[in-house]
Amino acid sequence: MVEYLDTSVGHRLAYHKTDGDGPGIVFLGGFMSDMSGTKAVFLEDWAKKQGRAFLRFDYTGHGQSSGRFEDGCIGDWTEDALEALSKLTSGPQILVGSSMGGWIALLLARSVPKRVQALIGIAAAPDFTEDSMWPGLSDAQRAEILEQGQTSVPNAYDDTPYILTRRLFEDGKMQLVLRTELKLPFPVRLMQGTDDEAVETSVPLRLLGHATCPDMRLTLVKDADHRFSTPDCLAMITSAIAETSR
């Protein structure tokens, strides 16, 4: 059954929480995705079988949470994640971040490193608003954002288009993690498909080279796409969780 967390700024975050042994697992979803996706539900089922604590939730403006998607930005969704981490979990957690969730996981790790047991990035997309989304827009779309405050672009995964706002890009500049020192004092596992149409393989390679981390590994999976949700890919994620739980 869906439960709700009222945040300090008046948002209502929808979540599913499974009690169990630690370290707990927190799933951080992607841009305009929700907690009912294949990876989140699969990992919850796996965690239940293992007797592990697990949390999945919807950011503001996503899924069953309050608010409008177009009113949000990376900083807002990171604050949602921080409140969920602080109020719904205890002890060190394994952060599993998918796409944008990988960026948010890195922001959480920078903010509260003592709450992180390990970080698993699945097609992690740090700094994507600055490095790929803005450069990928046409001159007309960029002008529309600057002059009218927003534009819409097709969504490859849904019939609902993405609404991209000036606030999203302005806030994104303040959340960048690949421009300054990034210390990750815990195990990090990055997974990336070579056929990912949304995140290029150069992104995890750049993160691998940039971060300071005593135990950081990147696995490239031939022919895997951005969803990274085939049985083999899902098994890789659970193996990484099990390995970094010790």
Protein backbone atom coordinates (compact mmCIF):
# COMPACT_ATOMS: atom_id res chain seq x y z
CA MET A 1 0.00 0.00 0.00
CA VAL A 2 1.26 3.47 -0.87
CA GLU A 3 2.23 5.65 2.07
CA TYR A 4 2.93 9.38 2.10
CA LEU A 5 5.61 11.56 3.64
CA ASP A 6 4.85 15.23 4.25
CA THR A 7 8.06 17.17 3.71
CA SER A 8 9.28 20.30 5.44
CA VAL A 9 8.35 22.42 2.41
CA GLY A 10 4.81 21.08 2.11
CA HIS A 11 5.24 18.37 -0.51
CA ARG A 12 3.63 14.93 -0.19
CA LEU A 13 5.96 12.15 -1.31
CA ALA A 14 4.43 8.79 -2.19
CA TYR A 15 6.53 5.81 -1.12
CA HIS A 16 6.70 2.09 -0.50
CA LYS A 17 8.82 0.97 2.42
CA THR A 18 9.84 -2.58 3.28
CA ASP A 19 11.21 -3.24 6.76
CA GLY A 20 14.17 -5.58 7.10
CA ASP A 21 17.83 -5.94 7.89
CA GLY A 22 20.45 -3.38 6.97
CA PRO A 23 22.17 -1.94 5.22
CA GLY A 24 18.94 -0.76 3.66
CA ILE A 25 18.48 -0.11 -0.06
CA VAL A 26 17.08 3.15 -1.45
CA PHE A 27 16.06 3.29 -5.10
CA LEU A 28 16.36 6.69 -6.81
CA GLY A 29 14.48 6.89 -10.08
CA GLY A 30 15.08 8.83 -13.25
CA PHE A 31 13.81 11.98 -14.93
CA MET A 32 9.99 11.88 -15.27
CA SER A 33 9.92 8.23 -14.17
CA ASP A 34 8.19 6.82 -11.11
CA MET A 35 8.61 4.19 -8.43
CA SER A 36 6.52 1.59 -10.30
CA GLY A 37 9.22 0.96 -12.91
CA THR A 38 10.66 -2.47 -13.63
CA LYS A 39 13.94 -2.02 -11.74
CA ALA A 40 12.35 -0.52 -8.61
CA VAL A 41 9.69 -3.22 -8.28
CA PHE A 42 12.12 -6.03 -9.08
CA LEU A 43 14.59 -4.81 -6.47
CA GLU A 44 11.84 -4.48 -3.88
CA ASP A 45 10.77 -8.10 -4.49
CA TRP A 46 14.40 -9.21 -4.26
CA ALA A 47 14.91 -7.28 -1.03
CA LYS A 48 11.82 -8.87 0.54
CA LYS A 49 13.13 -12.34 -0.26
CA GLN A 50 16.47 -11.40 1.29
CA GLY A 51 14.84 -9.89 4.39
CA ARG A 52 16.39 -6.52 3.52
CA ALA A 53 15.06 -3.03 4.19
CA PHE A 54 14.05 -1.27 0.97
CA LEU A 55 12.61 2.12 0.03
CA ARG A 56 11.26 3.40 -3.28
CA PHE A 57 9.48 6.73 -3.67
CA ASP A 58 8.29 9.34 -6.16
CA TYR A 59 9.92 12.76 -6.33
CA THR A 60 7.66 15.81 -6.27
CA GLY A 61 5.78 16.03 -9.56
CA HIS A 62 6.46 12.38 -10.35
CA GLY A 63 4.14 9.40 -10.07
CA GLN A 64 1.77 9.62 -7.09
CA SER A 65 3.53 12.46 -5.27
CA SER A 66 2.11 15.98 -5.09
CA GLY A 67 3.09 18.85 -7.35
CA ARG A 68 3.68 19.39 -11.07
CA PHE A 69 6.70 17.95 -12.83
CA GLU A 70 7.45 21.21 -14.66
CA ASP A 71 7.72 23.10 -11.36
CA GLY A 72 10.59 20.91 -10.15
CA CYS A 73 14.35 20.80 -10.66
CA ILE A 74 17.36 18.72 -9.63
CA GLY A 75 17.78 20.61 -6.36
CA ASP A 76 14.12 20.07 -5.40
CA TRP A 77 14.24 16.38 -6.17
CA THR A 78 17.50 16.01 -4.24
CA GLU A 79 15.84 17.64 -1.23
CA ASP A 80 12.97 15.15 -1.60
CA ALA A 81 15.49 12.31 -1.59
CA LEU A 82 17.32 13.75 1.42
CA GLU A 83 14.08 13.99 3.42
CA ALA A 84 13.10 10.45 2.44
CA LEU A 85 16.55 9.19 3.42
CA SER A 86 16.50 11.09 6.72
CA LYS A 87 12.93 10.36 7.81
CA LEU A 88 12.21 6.93 6.36
CA THR A 89 15.51 5.08 6.83
CA SER A 90 18.09 4.57 9.54
CA GLY A 91 21.75 3.67 9.37
CA PRO A 92 23.90 3.41 6.25
CA GLN A 93 22.01 2.82 3.00
CA ILE A 94 22.93 1.47 -0.41
CA LEU A 95 21.83 4.11 -2.91
CA VAL A 96 20.74 2.67 -6.26
CA GLY A 97 20.42 5.56 -8.70
CA SER A 98 19.02 5.12 -12.19
CA SER A 99 19.84 7.80 -14.79
CA MET A 100 18.99 11.13 -13.10
CA GLY A 101 18.80 9.13 -9.87
CA GLY A 102 22.53 8.50 -10.25
CA TRP A 103 23.14 12.26 -10.18
CA ILE A 104 20.88 12.62 -7.13
CA ALA A 105 22.69 9.73 -5.43
CA LEU A 106 26.00 11.57 -5.94
CA LEU A 107 24.52 14.76 -4.49
CA LEU A 108 23.30 12.81 -1.44
CA ALA A 109 26.70 11.18 -1.08
CA ARG A 110 28.35 14.60 -1.13
CA SER A 111 25.87 15.95 1.43
CA VAL A 112 25.60 13.04 3.90
CA PRO A 113 28.43 10.58 3.15
CA LYS A 114 28.07 8.87 6.54
CA ARG A 115 24.60 7.70 5.56
CA VAL A 116 25.92 5.90 2.47
CA GLN A 117 27.08 2.29 2.62
CA ALA A 118 27.61 2.09 -1.15
CA LEU A 119 26.44 3.71 -4.37
CA ILE A 120 25.25 1.86 -7.45
CA GLY A 121 24.76 3.92 -10.59
CA ILE A 122 22.69 2.46 -13.43
CA ALA A 123 23.25 4.56 -16.55
CA ALA A 124 24.01 7.37 -14.11
CA ALA A 125 23.61 10.81 -15.65
CA PRO A 126 25.42 13.41 -13.52
CA ASP A 127 25.28 16.99 -14.82
CA PHE A 128 23.02 15.98 -17.72
CA THR A 129 21.08 19.26 -17.86
CA GLU A 130 24.32 21.12 -18.57
CA ASP A 131 26.30 18.56 -20.56
CA SER A 132 23.75 16.81 -22.78
CA MET A 133 20.23 18.21 -22.49
CA TRP A 134 20.96 21.90 -23.14
CA PRO A 135 23.47 21.26 -25.97
CA GLY A 136 20.97 18.83 -27.52
CA LEU A 137 18.25 21.46 -27.90
CA SER A 138 17.78 23.45 -31.09
CA ASP A 139 18.47 27.18 -31.19
CA ALA A 140 14.71 27.75 -31.35
CA GLN A 141 14.09 25.60 -28.26
CA ARG A 142 16.83 27.33 -26.28
CA ALA A 143 15.40 30.72 -27.28
CA GLU A 144 11.93 29.61 -26.20
CA ILE A 145 13.26 28.59 -22.79
CA LEU A 146 15.09 31.89 -22.30
CA GLU A 147 12.23 34.05 -23.55
CA GLN A 148 9.11 32.14 -22.46
CA GLY A 149 10.50 30.07 -19.57
CA GLN A 150 9.97 26.61 -21.02
CA THR A 151 9.78 24.35 -24.04
CA SER A 152 8.49 20.83 -24.71
CA VAL A 153 10.40 17.95 -26.27
CA PRO A 154 9.29 14.42 -27.26
CA ASN A 155 9.59 11.66 -24.67
CA ALA A 156 11.05 8.45 -26.08
CA TYR A 157 9.53 6.38 -23.27
CA ASP A 158 6.02 7.84 -23.01
CA ASP A 159 3.41 9.78 -24.99
CA THR A 160 3.68 12.69 -22.55
CA PRO A 161 6.36 15.16 -23.70
CA TYR A 162 9.03 16.50 -21.41
CA ILE A 163 8.48 20.09 -20.27
CA LEU A 164 11.91 21.67 -19.85
CA THR A 165 12.05 24.93 -17.92
CA ARG A 166 14.56 27.70 -17.50
CA ARG A 167 14.56 26.95 -13.77
CA LEU A 168 15.57 23.33 -14.48
CA PHE A 169 18.69 24.49 -16.32
CA GLU A 170 19.54 27.36 -13.97
CA ASP A 171 19.26 25.09 -10.93
CA GLY A 172 21.18 22.34 -12.72
CA LYS A 173 24.20 24.63 -12.93
CA MET A 174 24.22 24.82 -9.12
CA GLN A 175 24.07 21.03 -8.67
CA LEU A 176 27.01 20.00 -10.87
CA VAL A 177 29.25 17.26 -9.44
CA LEU A 178 31.85 16.79 -12.19
CA ARG A 179 33.42 20.26 -11.95
CA THR A 180 34.70 20.17 -8.37
CA GLU A 181 36.24 17.62 -6.03
CA LEU A 182 34.00 14.59 -5.49
CA LYS A 183 34.97 12.28 -2.66
CA LEU A 184 33.14 8.95 -2.48
CA PRO A 185 34.56 7.12 0.56
CA PHE A 186 32.61 3.88 0.00
CA PRO A 187 32.21 1.24 -2.73
CA VAL A 188 30.81 2.54 -6.02
CA ARG A 189 29.56 0.32 -8.84
CA LEU A 190 28.63 1.87 -12.18
CA MET A 191 26.75 -0.05 -14.89
CA GLN A 192 26.24 1.17 -18.43
CA GLY A 193 24.85 -0.32 -21.64
CA THR A 194 26.73 0.27 -24.88
CA ASP A 195 23.42 0.82 -26.71
CA ASP A 196 22.17 3.42 -24.23
CA GLU A 197 20.45 6.08 -26.34
CA ALA A 198 20.20 8.62 -23.49
CA VAL A 199 23.57 8.45 -21.70
CA GLU A 200 26.80 8.06 -23.64
CA THR A 201 29.51 5.72 -22.34
CA SER A 202 31.77 8.76 -21.96
CA VAL A 203 29.66 9.86 -18.97
CA PRO A 204 30.50 6.99 -16.57
CA LEU A 205 34.08 7.03 -17.83
CA ARG A 206 34.30 10.71 -16.94
CA LEU A 207 32.82 10.03 -13.50
CA LEU A 208 35.27 7.16 -12.99
CA GLY A 209 38.19 9.44 -13.78
CA HIS A 210 36.90 12.40 -11.78
CA ALA A 211 35.84 10.96 -8.42
CA THR A 212 38.16 10.11 -5.56
CA CYS A 213 37.09 6.64 -4.42
CA PRO A 214 38.97 3.67 -2.92
CA ASP A 215 36.73 1.06 -4.58
CA MET A 216 35.06 2.17 -7.81
CA ARG A 217 34.27 -0.06 -10.77
CA LEU A 218 32.52 0.41 -14.10
CA THR A 219 30.87 -2.42 -16.02
CA LEU A 220 29.96 -1.89 -19.67
CA VAL A 221 27.31 -4.27 -21.00
CA LYS A 222 27.31 -4.82 -24.75
CA ASP A 223 23.96 -4.11 -26.44
CA ALA A 224 22.18 -3.09 -23.20
CA ASP A 225 20.00 0.01 -23.55
CA HIS A 226 19.06 2.82 -21.15
CA ARG A 227 16.38 0.80 -19.39
CA PHE A 228 19.00 -1.76 -18.25
CA SER A 229 16.19 -4.08 -17.19
CA THR A 230 16.78 -7.42 -18.92
CA PRO A 231 17.07 -10.42 -16.57
CA ASP A 232 20.86 -10.39 -16.90
CA CYS A 233 21.05 -6.67 -16.17
CA LEU A 234 18.77 -6.98 -13.13
CA ALA A 235 20.92 -9.85 -11.84
CA MET A 236 23.99 -7.63 -12.15
CA ILE A 237 22.33 -4.99 -9.97
CA THR A 238 21.41 -7.45 -7.21
CA SER A 239 24.90 -8.94 -7.32
CA ALA A 240 26.37 -5.48 -6.82
CA ILE A 241 24.03 -4.83 -3.90
CA ALA A 242 24.98 -8.14 -2.28
CA GLU A 243 28.71 -7.52 -2.83
CA THR A 244 28.68 -4.00 -1.37
CA SER A 245 26.49 -4.94 1.60
CA ARG A 246 29.38 -6.56 3.42
